[in-house]
Amino acid sequence: MMKAHVYVTLKESVLDPQGQTIHNALRKIGFAEVTGVRQGKYFALSLANGLDGGAARAEVERIAREVLTNPVIEEYSYRIEE
């Protein structure tokens, strides 16, 4: 069975208050080497057997674009495991 791992994050131009809060907390407890934090969402999709690589990519991109993200403020990346 194929699996797709989809990562959704806010676009760089969009303020990320949760990421900033985490970044501030990390600095306060001594992780000064962390220069920024962006938070996001992760989705694990199980894909039907017999789906070829191209069809799997097209399906995952469509799902990510049309269902999992708000294209105004979010972007996505993904990887597929066979």
PDB file of N, CA and C in Angstrom:
ATOM      1  N   MET A   1       0.846  -1.180   0.000  1.00  0.00           N
ATOM      2  CA  MET A   1       0.000   0.000   0.000  1.00  0.00           C
ATOM      3  C   MET A   1       0.890   1.242   0.000  1.00  0.00           C
ATOM      4  N   MET A   2       0.516   2.209  -0.804  1.00  0.00           N
ATOM      5  CA  MET A   2       1.234   3.474  -0.872  1.00  0.00           C
ATOM      6  C   MET A   2       0.739   4.408   0.221  1.00  0.00           C
ATOM      7  N   LYS A   3       1.652   5.207   0.739  1.00  0.00           N
ATOM      8  CA  LYS A   3       1.286   6.228   1.728  1.00  0.00           C
ATOM      9  C   LYS A   3       1.802   7.573   1.245  1.00  0.00           C
ATOM     10  N   ALA A   4       1.022   8.594   1.506  1.00  0.00           N
ATOM     11  CA  ALA A   4       1.434   9.961   1.210  1.00  0.00           C
ATOM     12  C   ALA A   4       1.508  10.730   2.515  1.00  0.00           C
ATOM     13  N   HIS A   5       2.559  11.504   2.656  1.00  0.00           N
ATOM     14  CA  HIS A   5       2.762  12.352   3.828  1.00  0.00           C
ATOM     15  C   HIS A   5       2.672  13.799   3.343  1.00  0.00           C
ATOM     16  N   VAL A   6       1.665  14.519   3.809  1.00  0.00           N
ATOM     17  CA  VAL A   6       1.419  15.884   3.354  1.00  0.00           C
ATOM     18  C   VAL A   6       1.682  16.842   4.516  1.00  0.00           C
ATOM     19  N   TYR A   7       2.493  17.853   4.251  1.00  0.00           N
ATOM     20  CA  TYR A   7       2.858  18.861   5.249  1.00  0.00           C
ATOM     21  C   TYR A   7       2.296  20.203   4.794  1.00  0.00           C
ATOM     22  N   VAL A   8       1.516  20.833   5.659  1.00  0.00           N
ATOM     23  CA  VAL A   8       0.885  22.118   5.344  1.00  0.00           C
ATOM     24  C   VAL A   8       1.429  23.159   6.313  1.00  0.00           C
ATOM     25  N   THR A   9       1.923  24.261   5.768  1.00  0.00           N
ATOM     26  CA  THR A   9       2.445  25.345   6.601  1.00  0.00           C
ATOM     27  C   THR A   9       1.901  26.678   6.107  1.00  0.00           C
ATOM     28  N   LEU A  10       1.965  27.656   6.991  1.00  0.00           N
ATOM     29  CA  LEU A  10       1.606  29.012   6.588  1.00  0.00           C
ATOM     30  C   LEU A  10       2.657  29.531   5.611  1.00  0.00           C
ATOM     31  N   LYS A  11       2.242  30.329   4.648  1.00  0.00           N
ATOM     32  CA  LYS A  11       3.196  30.961   3.742  1.00  0.00           C
ATOM     33  C   LYS A  11       4.113  31.873   4.552  1.00  0.00           C
ATOM     34  N   GLU A  12       5.331  32.054   4.072  1.00  0.00           N
ATOM     35  CA  GLU A  12       6.304  32.896   4.781  1.00  0.00           C
ATOM     36  C   GLU A  12       5.781  34.307   5.008  1.00  0.00           C
ATOM     37  N   SER A  13       4.938  34.801   4.114  1.00  0.00           N
ATOM     38  CA  SER A  13       4.423  36.169   4.236  1.00  0.00           C
ATOM     39  C   SER A  13       3.313  36.304   5.275  1.00  0.00           C
ATOM     40  N   VAL A  14       2.854  35.180   5.838  1.00  0.00           N
ATOM     41  CA  VAL A  14       1.757  35.193   6.807  1.00  0.00           C
ATOM     42  C   VAL A  14       2.318  35.096   8.222  1.00  0.00           C
ATOM     43  N   LEU A  15       1.858  35.981   9.097  1.00  0.00           N
ATOM     44  CA  LEU A  15       2.281  35.977  10.487  1.00  0.00           C
ATOM     45  C   LEU A  15       1.908  34.645  11.142  1.00  0.00           C
ATOM     46  N   ASP A  16       2.824  34.083  11.918  1.00  0.00           N
ATOM     47  CA  ASP A  16       2.603  32.804  12.594  1.00  0.00           C
ATOM     48  C   ASP A  16       2.748  33.011  14.099  1.00  0.00           C
ATOM     49  N   PRO A  17       1.680  33.465  14.789  1.00  0.00           N
ATOM     50  CA  PRO A  17       1.792  33.749  16.221  1.00  0.00           C
ATOM     51  C   PRO A  17       2.129  32.516  17.060  1.00  0.00           C
ATOM     52  N   GLN A  18       1.620  31.348  16.702  1.00  0.00           N
ATOM     53  CA  GLN A  18       1.938  30.140  17.466  1.00  0.00           C
ATOM     54  C   GLN A  18       3.415  29.785  17.310  1.00  0.00           C
ATOM     55  N   GLY A  19       3.929  29.887  16.105  1.00  0.00           N
ATOM     56  CA  GLY A  19       5.356  29.641  15.887  1.00  0.00           C
ATOM     57  C   GLY A  19       6.218  30.631  16.658  1.00  0.00           C
ATOM     58  N   GLN A  20       5.805  31.892  16.687  1.00  0.00           N
ATOM     59  CA  GLN A  20       6.553  32.914  17.419  1.00  0.00           C
ATOM     60  C   GLN A  20       6.539  32.634  18.919  1.00  0.00           C
ATOM     61  N   THR A  21       5.407  32.196  19.447  1.00  0.00           N
ATOM     62  CA  THR A  21       5.304  31.853  20.871  1.00  0.00           C
ATOM     63  C   THR A  21       6.245  30.699  21.212  1.00  0.00           C
ATOM     64  N   ILE A  22       6.264  29.685  20.362  1.00  0.00           N
ATOM     65  CA  ILE A  22       7.164  28.541  20.582  1.00  0.00           C
ATOM     66  C   ILE A  22       8.619  28.992  20.506  1.00  0.00           C
ATOM     67  N   HIS A  23       8.929  29.838  19.533  1.00  0.00           N
ATOM     68  CA  HIS A  23      10.292  30.354  19.396  1.00  0.00           C
ATOM     69  C   HIS A  23      10.728  31.114  20.646  1.00  0.00           C
ATOM     70  N   ASN A  24       9.851  31.981  21.147  1.00  0.00           N
ATOM     71  CA  ASN A  24      10.162  32.737  22.365  1.00  0.00           C
ATOM     72  C   ASN A  24      10.391  31.807  23.553  1.00  0.00           C
ATOM     73  N   ALA A  25       9.549  30.776  23.677  1.00  0.00           N
ATOM     74  CA  ALA A  25       9.701  29.824  24.782  1.00  0.00           C
ATOM     75  C   ALA A  25      11.030  29.072  24.663  1.00  0.00           C
ATOM     76  N   LEU A  26      11.404  28.680  23.472  1.00  0.00           N
ATOM     77  CA  LEU A  26      12.680  27.977  23.272  1.00  0.00           C
ATOM     78  C   LEU A  26      13.859  28.857  23.670  1.00  0.00           C
ATOM     79  N   ARG A  27      13.808  30.122  23.284  1.00  0.00           N
ATOM     80  CA  ARG A  27      14.892  31.046  23.662  1.00  0.00           C
ATOM     81  C   ARG A  27      14.984  31.182  25.172  1.00  0.00           C
ATOM     82  N   LYS A  28      13.838  31.294  25.840  1.00  0.00           N
ATOM     83  CA  LYS A  28      13.819  31.467  27.287  1.00  0.00           C
ATOM     84  C   LYS A  28      14.392  30.275  28.040  1.00  0.00           C
ATOM     85  N   ILE A  29      14.294  29.090  27.473  1.00  0.00           N
ATOM     86  CA  ILE A  29      14.829  27.909  28.167  1.00  0.00           C
ATOM     87  C   ILE A  29      16.195  27.489  27.627  1.00  0.00           C
ATOM     88  N   GLY A  30      16.822  28.382  26.873  1.00  0.00           N
ATOM     89  CA  GLY A  30      18.216  28.169  26.520  1.00  0.00           C
ATOM     90  C   GLY A  30      18.520  27.669  25.121  1.00  0.00           C
ATOM     91  N   PHE A  31      17.553  27.597  24.244  1.00  0.00           N
ATOM     92  CA  PHE A  31      17.806  27.148  22.876  1.00  0.00           C
ATOM     93  C   PHE A  31      18.016  28.348  21.953  1.00  0.00           C
ATOM     94  N   ALA A  32      19.070  29.097  22.234  1.00  0.00           N
ATOM     95  CA  ALA A  32      19.347  30.335  21.503  1.00  0.00           C
ATOM     96  C   ALA A  32      19.724  30.085  20.046  1.00  0.00           C
ATOM     97  N   GLU A  33      20.147  28.870  19.709  1.00  0.00           N
ATOM     98  CA  GLU A  33      20.548  28.579  18.329  1.00  0.00           C
ATOM     99  C   GLU A  33      19.357  28.432  17.385  1.00  0.00           C
ATOM    100  N   VAL A  34      18.151  28.321  17.910  1.00  0.00           N
ATOM    101  CA  VAL A  34      16.955  28.267  17.065  1.00  0.00           C
ATOM    102  C   VAL A  34      16.600  29.694  16.671  1.00  0.00           C
ATOM    103  N   THR A  35      16.606  29.983  15.385  1.00  0.00           N
ATOM    104  CA  THR A  35      16.392  31.354  14.919  1.00  0.00           C
ATOM    105  C   THR A  35      14.968  31.626  14.457  1.00  0.00           C
ATOM    106  N   GLY A  36      14.122  30.596  14.408  1.00  0.00           N
ATOM    107  CA  GLY A  36      12.730  30.802  14.023  1.00  0.00           C
ATOM    108  C   GLY A  36      11.965  29.491  14.078  1.00  0.00           C
ATOM    109  N   VAL A  37      10.661  29.602  14.237  1.00  0.00           N
ATOM    110  CA  VAL A  37       9.783  28.434  14.271  1.00  0.00           C
ATOM    111  C   VAL A  37       8.538  28.752  13.457  1.00  0.00           C
ATOM    112  N   ARG A  38       8.145  27.841  12.602  1.00  0.00           N
ATOM    113  CA  ARG A  38       6.881  27.919  11.869  1.00  0.00           C
ATOM    114  C   ARG A  38       6.098  26.653  12.203  1.00  0.00           C
ATOM    115  N   GLN A  39       4.866  26.788  12.589  1.00  0.00           N
ATOM    116  CA  GLN A  39       4.050  25.622  12.903  1.00  0.00           C
ATOM    117  C   GLN A  39       3.245  25.228  11.673  1.00  0.00           C
ATOM    118  N   GLY A  40       2.744  23.993  11.690  1.00  0.00           N
ATOM    119  CA  GLY A  40       1.958  23.524  10.559  1.00  0.00           C
ATOM    120  C   GLY A  40       1.126  22.316  10.908  1.00  0.00           C
ATOM    121  N   LYS A  41       0.642  21.639   9.867  1.00  0.00           N
ATOM    122  CA  LYS A  41      -0.197  20.450  10.017  1.00  0.00           C
ATOM    123  C   LYS A  41       0.426  19.317   9.207  1.00  0.00           C
ATOM    124  N   TYR A  42       0.173  18.092   9.635  1.00  0.00           N
ATOM    125  CA  TYR A  42       0.668  16.904   8.954  1.00  0.00           C
ATOM    126  C   TYR A  42      -0.503  15.959   8.714  1.00  0.00           C
ATOM    127  N   PHE A  43      -0.573  15.403   7.513  1.00  0.00           N
ATOM    128  CA  PHE A  43      -1.610  14.435   7.164  1.00  0.00           C
ATOM    129  C   PHE A  43      -0.946  13.194   6.588  1.00  0.00           C
ATOM    130  N   ALA A  44      -1.380  12.018   7.018  1.00  0.00           N
ATOM    131  CA  ALA A  44      -0.915  10.744   6.467  1.00  0.00           C
ATOM    132  C   ALA A  44      -2.076  10.135   5.690  1.00  0.00           C
ATOM    133  N   LEU A  45      -1.892   9.953   4.392  1.00  0.00           N
ATOM    134  CA  LEU A  45      -2.935   9.393   3.535  1.00  0.00           C
ATOM    135  C   LEU A  45      -2.527   7.999   3.089  1.00  0.00           C
ATOM    136  N   SER A  46      -3.415   7.035   3.196  1.00  0.00           N
ATOM    137  CA  SER A  46      -3.197   5.697   2.654  1.00  0.00           C
ATOM    138  C   SER A  46      -3.873   5.649   1.297  1.00  0.00           C
ATOM    139  N   LEU A  47      -3.129   5.203   0.290  1.00  0.00           N
ATOM    140  CA  LEU A  47      -3.640   5.193  -1.081  1.00  0.00           C
ATOM    141  C   LEU A  47      -3.908   3.760  -1.535  1.00  0.00           C
ATOM    142  N   ALA A  48      -4.856   3.604  -2.439  1.00  0.00           N
ATOM    143  CA  ALA A  48      -5.269   2.288  -2.922  1.00  0.00           C
ATOM    144  C   ALA A  48      -4.118   1.558  -3.610  1.00  0.00           C
ATOM    145  N   ASN A  49      -4.099   0.253  -3.448  1.00  0.00           N
ATOM    146  CA  ASN A  49      -3.143  -0.590  -4.156  1.00  0.00           C
ATOM    147  C   ASN A  49      -3.369  -0.458  -5.664  1.00  0.00           C
ATOM    148  N   GLY A  50      -2.310  -0.560  -6.423  1.00  0.00           N
ATOM    149  CA  GLY A  50      -2.432  -0.521  -7.872  1.00  0.00           C
ATOM    150  C   GLY A  50      -2.344   0.862  -8.472  1.00  0.00           C
ATOM    151  N   LEU A  51      -2.308   1.882  -7.661  1.00  0.00           N
ATOM    152  CA  LEU A  51      -2.190   3.255  -8.159  1.00  0.00           C
ATOM    153  C   LEU A  51      -0.746   3.481  -8.578  1.00  0.00           C
ATOM    154  N   ASP A  52      -0.515   3.958  -9.811  1.00  0.00           N
ATOM    155  CA  ASP A  52       0.868   4.193 -10.223  1.00  0.00           C
ATOM    156  C   ASP A  52       1.368   5.532  -9.681  1.00  0.00           C
ATOM    157  N   GLY A  53       2.682   5.751  -9.773  1.00  0.00           N
ATOM    158  CA  GLY A  53       3.305   6.931  -9.185  1.00  0.00           C
ATOM    159  C   GLY A  53       2.727   8.243  -9.672  1.00  0.00           C
ATOM    160  N   GLY A  54       2.517   8.359 -10.977  1.00  0.00           N
ATOM    161  CA  GLY A  54       1.969   9.592 -11.530  1.00  0.00           C
ATOM    162  C   GLY A  54       0.557   9.867 -11.060  1.00  0.00           C
ATOM    163  N   ALA A  55      -0.265   8.841 -11.036  1.00  0.00           N
ATOM    164  CA  ALA A  55      -1.650   8.995 -10.576  1.00  0.00           C
ATOM    165  C   ALA A  55      -1.682   9.329  -9.091  1.00  0.00           C
ATOM    166  N   ALA A  56      -0.789   8.711  -8.323  1.00  0.00           N
ATOM    167  CA  ALA A  56      -0.721   8.990  -6.886  1.00  0.00           C
ATOM    168  C   ALA A  56      -0.345  10.447  -6.648  1.00  0.00           C
ATOM    169  N   ARG A  57       0.673  10.935  -7.364  1.00  0.00           N
ATOM    170  CA  ARG A  57       1.086  12.334  -7.206  1.00  0.00           C
ATOM    171  C   ARG A  57      -0.055  13.290  -7.570  1.00  0.00           C
ATOM    172  N   ALA A  58      -0.733  13.008  -8.685  1.00  0.00           N
ATOM    173  CA  ALA A  58      -1.838  13.871  -9.114  1.00  0.00           C
ATOM    174  C   ALA A  58      -2.952  13.890  -8.074  1.00  0.00           C
ATOM    175  N   GLU A  59      -3.279  12.725  -7.531  1.00  0.00           N
ATOM    176  CA  GLU A  59      -4.342  12.627  -6.530  1.00  0.00           C
ATOM    177  C   GLU A  59      -3.967  13.380  -5.250  1.00  0.00           C
ATOM    178  N   VAL A  60      -2.739  13.185  -4.781  1.00  0.00           N
ATOM    179  CA  VAL A  60      -2.290  13.844  -3.552  1.00  0.00           C
ATOM    180  C   VAL A  60      -2.239  15.358  -3.742  1.00  0.00           C
ATOM    181  N   GLU A  61      -1.745  15.809  -4.884  1.00  0.00           N
ATOM    182  CA  GLU A  61      -1.699  17.251  -5.139  1.00  0.00           C
ATOM    183  C   GLU A  61      -3.101  17.852  -5.172  1.00  0.00           C
ATOM    184  N   ARG A  62      -4.028  17.150  -5.787  1.00  0.00           N
ATOM    185  CA  ARG A  62      -5.405  17.654  -5.842  1.00  0.00           C
ATOM    186  C   ARG A  62      -6.010  17.719  -4.442  1.00  0.00           C
ATOM    187  N   ILE A  63      -5.829  16.657  -3.648  1.00  0.00           N
ATOM    188  CA  ILE A  63      -6.355  16.648  -2.275  1.00  0.00           C
ATOM    189  C   ILE A  63      -5.734  17.777  -1.461  1.00  0.00           C
ATOM    190  N   ALA A  64      -4.421  17.924  -1.553  1.00  0.00           N
ATOM    191  CA  ALA A  64      -3.735  18.966  -0.788  1.00  0.00           C
ATOM    192  C   ALA A  64      -4.213  20.353  -1.199  1.00  0.00           C
ATOM    193  N   ARG A  65      -4.321  20.577  -2.484  1.00  0.00           N
ATOM    194  CA  ARG A  65      -4.707  21.890  -3.004  1.00  0.00           C
ATOM    195  C   ARG A  65      -6.176  22.216  -2.720  1.00  0.00           C
ATOM    196  N   GLU A  66      -7.078  21.235  -2.905  1.00  0.00           N
ATOM    197  CA  GLU A  66      -8.509  21.508  -2.824  1.00  0.00           C
ATOM    198  C   GLU A  66      -9.127  21.274  -1.445  1.00  0.00           C
ATOM    199  N   VAL A  67      -8.483  20.438  -0.609  1.00  0.00           N
ATOM    200  CA  VAL A  67      -9.115  20.066   0.654  1.00  0.00           C
ATOM    201  C   VAL A  67      -8.275  20.444   1.877  1.00  0.00           C
ATOM    202  N   LEU A  68      -6.976  20.158   1.831  1.00  0.00           N
ATOM    203  CA  LEU A  68      -6.155  20.283   3.037  1.00  0.00           C
ATOM    204  C   LEU A  68      -5.591  21.671   3.292  1.00  0.00           C
ATOM    205  N   THR A  69      -5.541  22.519   2.285  1.00  0.00           N
ATOM    206  CA  THR A  69      -4.938  23.844   2.471  1.00  0.00           C
ATOM    207  C   THR A  69      -5.903  24.974   2.118  1.00  0.00           C
ATOM    208  N   ASN A  70      -5.641  26.099   2.723  1.00  0.00           N
ATOM    209  CA  ASN A  70      -6.268  27.356   2.316  1.00  0.00           C
ATOM    210  C   ASN A  70      -5.211  28.056   1.467  1.00  0.00           C
ATOM    211  N   PRO A  71      -5.363  28.063   0.137  1.00  0.00           N
ATOM    212  CA  PRO A  71      -4.300  28.561  -0.737  1.00  0.00           C
ATOM    213  C   PRO A  71      -3.958  30.038  -0.553  1.00  0.00           C
ATOM    214  N   VAL A  72      -4.817  30.781   0.104  1.00  0.00           N
ATOM    215  CA  VAL A  72      -4.538  32.199   0.341  1.00  0.00           C
ATOM    216  C   VAL A  72      -3.407  32.357   1.360  1.00  0.00           C
ATOM    217  N   ILE A  73      -3.394  31.495   2.394  1.00  0.00           N
ATOM    218  CA  ILE A  73      -2.418  31.676   3.472  1.00  0.00           C
ATOM    219  C   ILE A  73      -1.496  30.483   3.696  1.00  0.00           C
ATOM    220  N   GLU A  74      -1.778  29.336   3.037  1.00  0.00           N
ATOM    221  CA  GLU A  74      -0.999  28.129   3.302  1.00  0.00           C
ATOM    222  C   GLU A  74      -0.362  27.581   2.034  1.00  0.00           C
ATOM    223  N   GLU A  75       0.702  26.803   2.240  1.00  0.00           N
ATOM    224  CA  GLU A  75       1.347  26.072   1.154  1.00  0.00           C
ATOM    225  C   GLU A  75       1.571  24.644   1.636  1.00  0.00           C
ATOM    226  N   TYR A  76       1.871  23.756   0.722  1.00  0.00           N
ATOM    227  CA  TYR A  76       2.043  22.358   1.107  1.00  0.00           C
ATOM    228  C   TYR A  76       3.235  21.728   0.397  1.00  0.00           C
ATOM    229  N   SER A  77       3.700  20.656   0.982  1.00  0.00           N
ATOM    230  CA  SER A  77       4.670  19.782   0.341  1.00  0.00           C
ATOM    231  C   SER A  77       4.262  18.361   0.708  1.00  0.00           C
ATOM    232  N   TYR A  78       4.773  17.400  -0.027  1.00  0.00           N
ATOM    233  CA  TYR A  78       4.394  16.018   0.263  1.00  0.00           C
ATOM    234  C   TYR A  78       5.493  15.060  -0.209  1.00  0.00           C
ATOM    235  N   ARG A  79       5.424  13.848   0.314  1.00  0.00           N
ATOM    236  CA  ARG A  79       6.251  12.765  -0.188  1.00  0.00           C
ATOM    237  C   ARG A  79       5.413  11.516  -0.194  1.00  0.00           C
ATOM    238  N   ILE A  80       5.722  10.631  -1.122  1.00  0.00           N
ATOM    239  CA  ILE A  80       4.964   9.395  -1.272  1.00  0.00           C
ATOM    240  C   ILE A  80       5.896   8.222  -1.026  1.00  0.00           C
ATOM    241  N   GLU A  81       5.448   7.280  -0.213  1.00  0.00           N
ATOM    242  CA  GLU A  81       6.186   6.034   0.056  1.00  0.00           C
ATOM    243  C   GLU A  81       5.450   4.887  -0.623  1.00  0.00           C
ATOM    244  N   GLU A  82       6.198   4.018  -1.246  1.00  0.00           N
ATOM    245  CA  GLU A  82       5.574   2.848  -1.869  1.00  0.00           C
ATOM    246  C   GLU A  82       5.696   1.643  -0.996  1.00  0.00           C
TER     247      GLU A  82
END
